Amino acid sequence: MFDHSITLWSKDDRDYLQEMKKHSARWVELPVSPSAEQFARVLFVMIDRLMQLTTTTNGEKEVRLYSIVVHETQTGYAEAFYEDAYSTMMGLIELEDIKLSEAVVADFKDHTLWEKLLGGKEFINPDTV
């Protein structure tokens, strides 16, 4: 999703946001500043929601997301745990506040995936992998 996209912070200047979107078809707008620390939190919230909506069918039980690591460099990284992802002190992340451009969504194998995730649609794991 973020690959080859510009990532914008929704609290930046409105004119700036409009100009960036005008010059790039691939953009993601986040409710938090686009840093490695916040990317780790955003990805945690996204994957956590997907896992909450997923029904398992092949015997796995109590699978939980432990942490997300986002590398800035080969040795520098940010790691987010549940407490970080849902911290009000760091800025609450609501998936509904994340905006994806049409070009980003068009690259999804399932073009309705984001809407399904936002709408709370159940996902069912396949019987075999």
N, C-alpha and C. Protein backbone atom coordinates (compact mmCIF):
# COMPACT_ATOMS: atom_id res chain seq x y z
N MET A 1 0.82 -1.18 0.00
CA MET A 1 0.00 0.00 0.00
C MET A 1 0.87 1.26 0.00
N PHE A 2 1.88 1.30 0.84
CA PHE A 2 2.71 2.50 0.94
C PHE A 2 3.80 2.54 -0.14
N ASP A 3 4.07 1.41 -0.76
CA ASP A 3 5.13 1.33 -1.75
C ASP A 3 4.84 2.26 -2.93
N HIS A 4 5.77 3.10 -3.26
CA HIS A 4 5.67 4.05 -4.37
C HIS A 4 4.50 5.03 -4.20
N SER A 5 4.15 5.31 -2.96
CA SER A 5 3.10 6.27 -2.67
C SER A 5 3.67 7.38 -1.80
N ILE A 6 3.08 8.56 -1.90
CA ILE A 6 3.45 9.59 -0.95
C ILE A 6 2.54 9.44 0.26
N THR A 7 3.09 9.66 1.42
CA THR A 7 2.30 9.56 2.64
C THR A 7 2.18 10.94 3.23
N LEU A 8 0.95 11.31 3.50
CA LEU A 8 0.64 12.66 3.96
C LEU A 8 0.03 12.61 5.36
N TRP A 9 0.22 13.68 6.11
CA TRP A 9 -0.37 13.82 7.43
C TRP A 9 -1.59 14.71 7.29
N SER A 10 -2.73 14.23 7.70
CA SER A 10 -3.99 14.96 7.51
C SER A 10 -4.00 16.34 8.18
N LYS A 11 -3.10 16.57 9.13
CA LYS A 11 -3.06 17.87 9.82
C LYS A 11 -2.11 18.87 9.16
N ASP A 12 -1.50 18.46 8.05
CA ASP A 12 -0.67 19.41 7.29
C ASP A 12 -1.58 20.46 6.65
N ASP A 13 -0.97 21.47 6.13
CA ASP A 13 -1.69 22.56 5.47
C ASP A 13 -2.57 22.01 4.34
N ARG A 14 -3.83 22.42 4.31
CA ARG A 14 -4.80 21.94 3.30
C ARG A 14 -4.32 22.18 1.88
N ASP A 15 -3.77 23.36 1.61
CA ASP A 15 -3.27 23.66 0.26
C ASP A 15 -2.14 22.72 -0.13
N TYR A 16 -1.25 22.46 0.81
CA TYR A 16 -0.15 21.54 0.57
C TYR A 16 -0.68 20.14 0.23
N LEU A 17 -1.64 19.66 1.03
CA LEU A 17 -2.22 18.34 0.79
C LEU A 17 -2.86 18.26 -0.59
N GLN A 18 -3.61 19.28 -0.96
CA GLN A 18 -4.25 19.29 -2.28
C GLN A 18 -3.23 19.29 -3.41
N GLU A 19 -2.17 20.06 -3.25
CA GLU A 19 -1.12 20.10 -4.29
C GLU A 19 -0.44 18.75 -4.43
N MET A 20 -0.12 18.12 -3.31
CA MET A 20 0.55 16.82 -3.37
C MET A 20 -0.35 15.78 -4.04
N LYS A 21 -1.62 15.80 -3.71
CA LYS A 21 -2.56 14.85 -4.32
C LYS A 21 -2.76 15.14 -5.80
N LYS A 22 -2.66 16.40 -6.17
CA LYS A 22 -2.82 16.79 -7.57
C LYS A 22 -1.66 16.25 -8.42
N HIS A 23 -0.48 16.15 -7.82
CA HIS A 23 0.72 15.76 -8.57
C HIS A 23 1.10 14.29 -8.40
N SER A 24 0.34 13.55 -7.62
CA SER A 24 0.61 12.13 -7.46
C SER A 24 -0.69 11.36 -7.35
N ALA A 25 -0.86 10.36 -8.20
CA ALA A 25 -2.07 9.54 -8.16
C ALA A 25 -2.02 8.57 -6.98
N ARG A 26 -0.82 8.25 -6.51
CA ARG A 26 -0.66 7.28 -5.42
C ARG A 26 -0.33 8.03 -4.13
N TRP A 27 -1.32 8.10 -3.25
CA TRP A 27 -1.11 8.75 -1.96
C TRP A 27 -1.92 8.06 -0.87
N VAL A 28 -1.42 8.19 0.35
CA VAL A 28 -2.08 7.70 1.55
C VAL A 28 -2.07 8.87 2.53
N GLU A 29 -3.24 9.17 3.10
CA GLU A 29 -3.34 10.25 4.08
C GLU A 29 -3.61 9.64 5.45
N LEU A 30 -2.73 9.94 6.41
CA LEU A 30 -2.82 9.36 7.75
C LEU A 30 -3.24 10.40 8.79
N PRO A 31 -3.88 9.98 9.87
CA PRO A 31 -4.23 10.90 10.94
C PRO A 31 -3.07 11.16 11.90
N VAL A 32 -1.92 10.58 11.62
CA VAL A 32 -0.70 10.78 12.42
C VAL A 32 0.45 11.11 11.47
N SER A 33 1.49 11.73 12.01
CA SER A 33 2.61 12.10 11.15
C SER A 33 3.29 10.86 10.58
N PRO A 34 3.72 10.92 9.32
CA PRO A 34 4.33 9.74 8.69
C PRO A 34 5.79 9.55 9.12
N SER A 35 5.97 8.85 10.21
CA SER A 35 7.30 8.50 10.72
C SER A 35 7.34 6.99 10.89
N ALA A 36 8.51 6.43 11.07
CA ALA A 36 8.62 4.98 11.26
C ALA A 36 7.81 4.54 12.48
N GLU A 37 7.85 5.34 13.54
CA GLU A 37 7.11 5.00 14.75
C GLU A 37 5.60 4.95 14.48
N GLN A 38 5.12 5.93 13.74
CA GLN A 38 3.69 5.97 13.45
C GLN A 38 3.30 4.93 12.39
N PHE A 39 4.18 4.67 11.42
CA PHE A 39 3.91 3.60 10.44
C PHE A 39 3.72 2.27 11.17
N ALA A 40 4.58 2.00 12.15
CA ALA A 40 4.47 0.75 12.90
C ALA A 40 3.11 0.68 13.60
N ARG A 41 2.67 1.79 14.18
CA ARG A 41 1.37 1.83 14.85
C ARG A 41 0.22 1.65 13.85
N VAL A 42 0.30 2.34 12.71
CA VAL A 42 -0.75 2.25 11.69
C VAL A 42 -0.87 0.81 11.19
N LEU A 43 0.25 0.19 10.87
CA LEU A 43 0.23 -1.19 10.39
C LEU A 43 -0.31 -2.14 11.45
N PHE A 44 0.05 -1.89 12.72
CA PHE A 44 -0.46 -2.73 13.80
C PHE A 44 -1.98 -2.64 13.85
N VAL A 45 -2.53 -1.43 13.81
CA VAL A 45 -3.98 -1.26 13.89
C VAL A 45 -4.66 -1.92 12.69
N MET A 46 -4.09 -1.78 11.50
CA MET A 46 -4.67 -2.41 10.30
C MET A 46 -4.69 -3.93 10.42
N ILE A 47 -3.57 -4.51 10.76
CA ILE A 47 -3.47 -5.96 10.83
C ILE A 47 -4.28 -6.50 12.00
N ASP A 48 -4.28 -5.78 13.11
CA ASP A 48 -5.08 -6.19 14.26
C ASP A 48 -6.56 -6.24 13.90
N ARG A 49 -7.05 -5.23 13.18
CA ARG A 49 -8.46 -5.23 12.76
C ARG A 49 -8.74 -6.42 11.84
N LEU A 50 -7.84 -6.67 10.89
CA LEU A 50 -8.01 -7.80 9.98
C LEU A 50 -8.07 -9.11 10.76
N MET A 51 -7.19 -9.26 11.73
CA MET A 51 -7.17 -10.50 12.51
C MET A 51 -8.44 -10.65 13.35
N GLN A 52 -8.96 -9.54 13.87
CA GLN A 52 -10.20 -9.60 14.65
C GLN A 52 -11.38 -10.03 13.78
N LEU A 53 -11.33 -9.68 12.51
CA LEU A 53 -12.42 -10.00 11.59
C LEU A 53 -12.27 -11.36 10.90
N THR A 54 -11.16 -12.04 11.17
CA THR A 54 -10.86 -13.29 10.48
C THR A 54 -11.32 -14.50 11.28
N THR A 55 -12.09 -15.36 10.63
CA THR A 55 -12.49 -16.64 11.20
C THR A 55 -11.51 -17.68 10.70
N THR A 56 -10.97 -18.44 11.62
CA THR A 56 -9.99 -19.46 11.25
C THR A 56 -10.70 -20.78 11.01
N THR A 57 -10.16 -21.55 10.07
CA THR A 57 -10.79 -22.82 9.72
C THR A 57 -9.81 -23.99 9.67
N ASN A 58 -8.54 -23.72 9.89
CA ASN A 58 -7.58 -24.82 9.75
C ASN A 58 -6.87 -25.18 11.06
N GLY A 59 -7.56 -24.95 12.19
CA GLY A 59 -7.05 -25.45 13.45
C GLY A 59 -6.26 -24.46 14.30
N GLU A 60 -5.89 -23.32 13.75
CA GLU A 60 -5.12 -22.38 14.56
C GLU A 60 -6.04 -21.78 15.63
N LYS A 61 -5.46 -21.48 16.79
CA LYS A 61 -6.25 -20.95 17.90
C LYS A 61 -5.49 -19.82 18.57
N GLU A 62 -6.24 -18.84 19.01
CA GLU A 62 -5.71 -17.74 19.80
C GLU A 62 -4.47 -17.09 19.18
N VAL A 63 -4.48 -16.89 17.89
CA VAL A 63 -3.38 -16.21 17.21
C VAL A 63 -3.55 -14.71 17.46
N ARG A 64 -2.49 -14.08 17.96
CA ARG A 64 -2.53 -12.64 18.24
C ARG A 64 -1.33 -11.98 17.59
N LEU A 65 -1.52 -10.74 17.25
CA LEU A 65 -0.43 -9.92 16.73
C LEU A 65 0.39 -9.44 17.93
N TYR A 66 1.68 -9.71 17.91
CA TYR A 66 2.54 -9.34 19.04
C TYR A 66 3.14 -7.95 18.84
N SER A 67 3.77 -7.74 17.68
CA SER A 67 4.38 -6.44 17.41
C SER A 67 4.61 -6.26 15.92
N ILE A 68 4.86 -5.03 15.54
CA ILE A 68 5.21 -4.68 14.16
C ILE A 68 6.53 -3.92 14.21
N VAL A 69 7.45 -4.29 13.33
CA VAL A 69 8.74 -3.61 13.23
C VAL A 69 8.82 -2.94 11.87
N VAL A 70 9.16 -1.65 11.86
CA VAL A 70 9.36 -0.90 10.63
C VAL A 70 10.79 -0.38 10.64
N HIS A 71 11.56 -0.78 9.64
CA HIS A 71 12.97 -0.36 9.55
C HIS A 71 13.09 0.97 8.82
N GLU A 72 13.87 1.88 9.40
CA GLU A 72 14.22 3.14 8.73
C GLU A 72 15.53 2.96 7.97
N THR A 73 16.43 2.23 8.59
CA THR A 73 17.74 1.93 8.01
C THR A 73 18.04 0.47 8.34
N GLN A 74 19.23 0.00 7.98
CA GLN A 74 19.59 -1.38 8.29
C GLN A 74 19.63 -1.63 9.79
N THR A 75 19.98 -0.61 10.56
CA THR A 75 20.08 -0.81 12.01
C THR A 75 19.07 -0.01 12.82
N GLY A 76 18.39 0.94 12.19
CA GLY A 76 17.42 1.76 12.90
C GLY A 76 15.99 1.34 12.59
N TYR A 77 15.20 1.15 13.63
CA TYR A 77 13.84 0.70 13.41
C TYR A 77 12.92 1.20 14.53
N ALA A 78 11.64 1.09 14.28
CA ALA A 78 10.63 1.38 15.29
C ALA A 78 9.79 0.12 15.45
N GLU A 79 9.43 -0.18 16.68
CA GLU A 79 8.60 -1.35 16.96
C GLU A 79 7.37 -0.89 17.73
N ALA A 80 6.21 -1.39 17.34
CA ALA A 80 4.97 -1.05 18.02
C ALA A 80 4.32 -2.30 18.58
N PHE A 81 3.87 -2.20 19.81
CA PHE A 81 3.12 -3.24 20.49
C PHE A 81 1.68 -2.74 20.65
N TYR A 82 0.80 -3.58 21.16
CA TYR A 82 -0.61 -3.21 21.35
C TYR A 82 -0.73 -1.88 22.09
N GLU A 83 0.01 -1.74 23.20
CA GLU A 83 -0.07 -0.53 24.02
C GLU A 83 0.32 0.71 23.23
N ASP A 84 1.25 0.57 22.31
CA ASP A 84 1.68 1.70 21.47
C ASP A 84 0.61 2.01 20.42
N ALA A 85 0.12 0.96 19.78
CA ALA A 85 -0.82 1.14 18.67
C ALA A 85 -2.09 1.84 19.11
N TYR A 86 -2.53 1.58 20.33
CA TYR A 86 -3.78 2.14 20.81
C TYR A 86 -3.57 3.22 21.88
N SER A 87 -2.40 3.81 21.88
CA SER A 87 -2.08 4.85 22.86
C SER A 87 -2.71 6.19 22.48
N THR A 88 -3.52 6.72 23.38
CA THR A 88 -4.11 8.05 23.12
C THR A 88 -3.04 9.13 23.25
N MET A 89 -2.00 8.87 24.03
CA MET A 89 -0.92 9.85 24.18
C MET A 89 -0.16 10.04 22.87
N MET A 90 -0.09 9.00 22.06
CA MET A 90 0.62 9.08 20.79
C MET A 90 -0.31 9.48 19.64
N GLY A 91 -1.59 9.63 19.92
CA GLY A 91 -2.56 9.98 18.89
C GLY A 91 -3.35 8.77 18.46
N LEU A 92 -4.62 8.76 18.77
CA LEU A 92 -5.47 7.62 18.43
C LEU A 92 -5.56 7.45 16.91
N ILE A 93 -5.44 6.22 16.46
CA ILE A 93 -5.51 5.91 15.03
C ILE A 93 -6.82 5.18 14.76
N GLU A 94 -7.70 5.83 14.04
CA GLU A 94 -8.95 5.21 13.60
C GLU A 94 -8.78 4.88 12.12
N LEU A 95 -9.03 3.64 11.75
CA LEU A 95 -8.86 3.24 10.35
C LEU A 95 -9.71 4.10 9.43
N GLU A 96 -10.87 4.53 9.92
CA GLU A 96 -11.76 5.37 9.11
C GLU A 96 -11.12 6.71 8.76
N ASP A 97 -10.09 7.11 9.51
CA ASP A 97 -9.41 8.38 9.25
C ASP A 97 -8.25 8.23 8.27
N ILE A 98 -7.97 7.02 7.84
CA ILE A 98 -6.92 6.78 6.85
C ILE A 98 -7.57 6.83 5.47
N LYS A 99 -7.04 7.68 4.61
CA LYS A 99 -7.59 7.86 3.27
C LYS A 99 -6.60 7.28 2.25
N LEU A 100 -7.13 6.50 1.33
CA LEU A 100 -6.31 5.88 0.28
C LEU A 100 -6.77 6.41 -1.07
N SER A 101 -5.81 6.73 -1.92
CA SER A 101 -6.17 7.18 -3.26
C SER A 101 -6.73 6.01 -4.07
N GLU A 102 -7.46 6.34 -5.11
CA GLU A 102 -8.02 5.30 -6.00
C GLU A 102 -6.92 4.45 -6.61
N ALA A 103 -5.78 5.07 -6.92
CA ALA A 103 -4.67 4.32 -7.53
C ALA A 103 -4.09 3.30 -6.56
N VAL A 104 -4.05 3.61 -5.28
CA VAL A 104 -3.56 2.66 -4.28
C VAL A 104 -4.53 1.49 -4.18
N VAL A 105 -5.81 1.78 -4.05
CA VAL A 105 -6.83 0.73 -3.93
C VAL A 105 -6.88 -0.14 -5.18
N ALA A 106 -6.64 0.45 -6.34
CA ALA A 106 -6.67 -0.30 -7.60
C ALA A 106 -5.60 -1.38 -7.65
N ASP A 107 -4.52 -1.22 -6.87
CA ASP A 107 -3.46 -2.22 -6.84
C ASP A 107 -3.77 -3.41 -5.94
N PHE A 108 -4.82 -3.31 -5.13
CA PHE A 108 -5.20 -4.43 -4.27
C PHE A 108 -5.76 -5.55 -5.13
N LYS A 109 -5.41 -6.78 -4.82
CA LYS A 109 -5.98 -7.93 -5.53
C LYS A 109 -7.50 -7.90 -5.40
N ASP A 110 -7.99 -7.59 -4.20
CA ASP A 110 -9.42 -7.41 -3.95
C ASP A 110 -9.65 -5.90 -3.80
N HIS A 111 -10.23 -5.28 -4.80
CA HIS A 111 -10.42 -3.83 -4.81
C HIS A 111 -11.38 -3.35 -3.73
N THR A 112 -12.10 -4.26 -3.11
CA THR A 112 -13.04 -3.88 -2.04
C THR A 112 -12.48 -4.18 -0.64
N LEU A 113 -11.22 -4.61 -0.57
CA LEU A 113 -10.61 -5.00 0.70
C LEU A 113 -10.70 -3.90 1.75
N TRP A 114 -10.33 -2.68 1.39
CA TRP A 114 -10.32 -1.59 2.36
C TRP A 114 -11.73 -1.31 2.88
N GLU A 115 -12.70 -1.30 1.99
CA GLU A 115 -14.09 -1.07 2.41
C GLU A 115 -14.59 -2.21 3.30
N LYS A 116 -14.19 -3.44 2.98
CA LYS A 116 -14.57 -4.58 3.82
C LYS A 116 -13.98 -4.43 5.22
N LEU A 117 -12.73 -4.04 5.28
CA LEU A 117 -12.05 -3.86 6.56
C LEU A 117 -12.74 -2.76 7.38
N LEU A 118 -13.03 -1.65 6.73
CA LEU A 118 -13.70 -0.54 7.42
C LEU A 118 -15.11 -0.92 7.85
N GLY A 119 -15.78 -1.72 7.04
CA GLY A 119 -17.16 -2.09 7.31
C GLY A 119 -17.32 -3.27 8.26
N GLY A 120 -16.21 -3.87 8.68
CA GLY A 120 -16.29 -4.98 9.63
C GLY A 120 -16.71 -6.30 9.01
N LYS A 121 -16.45 -6.46 7.71
CA LYS A 121 -16.82 -7.70 7.02
C LYS A 121 -15.95 -8.85 7.53
N GLU A 122 -16.58 -10.00 7.71
CA GLU A 122 -15.86 -11.19 8.17
C GLU A 122 -14.95 -11.72 7.05
N PHE A 123 -13.75 -12.13 7.42
CA PHE A 123 -12.82 -12.79 6.51
C PHE A 123 -12.68 -14.22 6.99
N ILE A 124 -12.62 -15.17 6.07
CA ILE A 124 -12.50 -16.58 6.44
C ILE A 124 -11.22 -17.13 5.85
N ASN A 125 -10.39 -17.68 6.73
CA ASN A 125 -9.14 -18.30 6.27
C ASN A 125 -9.48 -19.52 5.42
N PRO A 126 -8.67 -19.81 4.41
CA PRO A 126 -8.90 -21.03 3.61
C PRO A 126 -8.58 -22.26 4.44
N ASP A 127 -9.16 -23.38 4.04
CA ASP A 127 -8.90 -24.65 4.74
C ASP A 127 -7.44 -25.09 4.59
N THR A 128 -6.84 -24.78 3.44
CA THR A 128 -5.46 -25.14 3.20
C THR A 128 -4.73 -23.92 2.66
N VAL A 129 -3.44 -23.96 2.81
CA VAL A 129 -2.62 -22.85 2.31
C VAL A 129 -1.81 -23.32 1.14
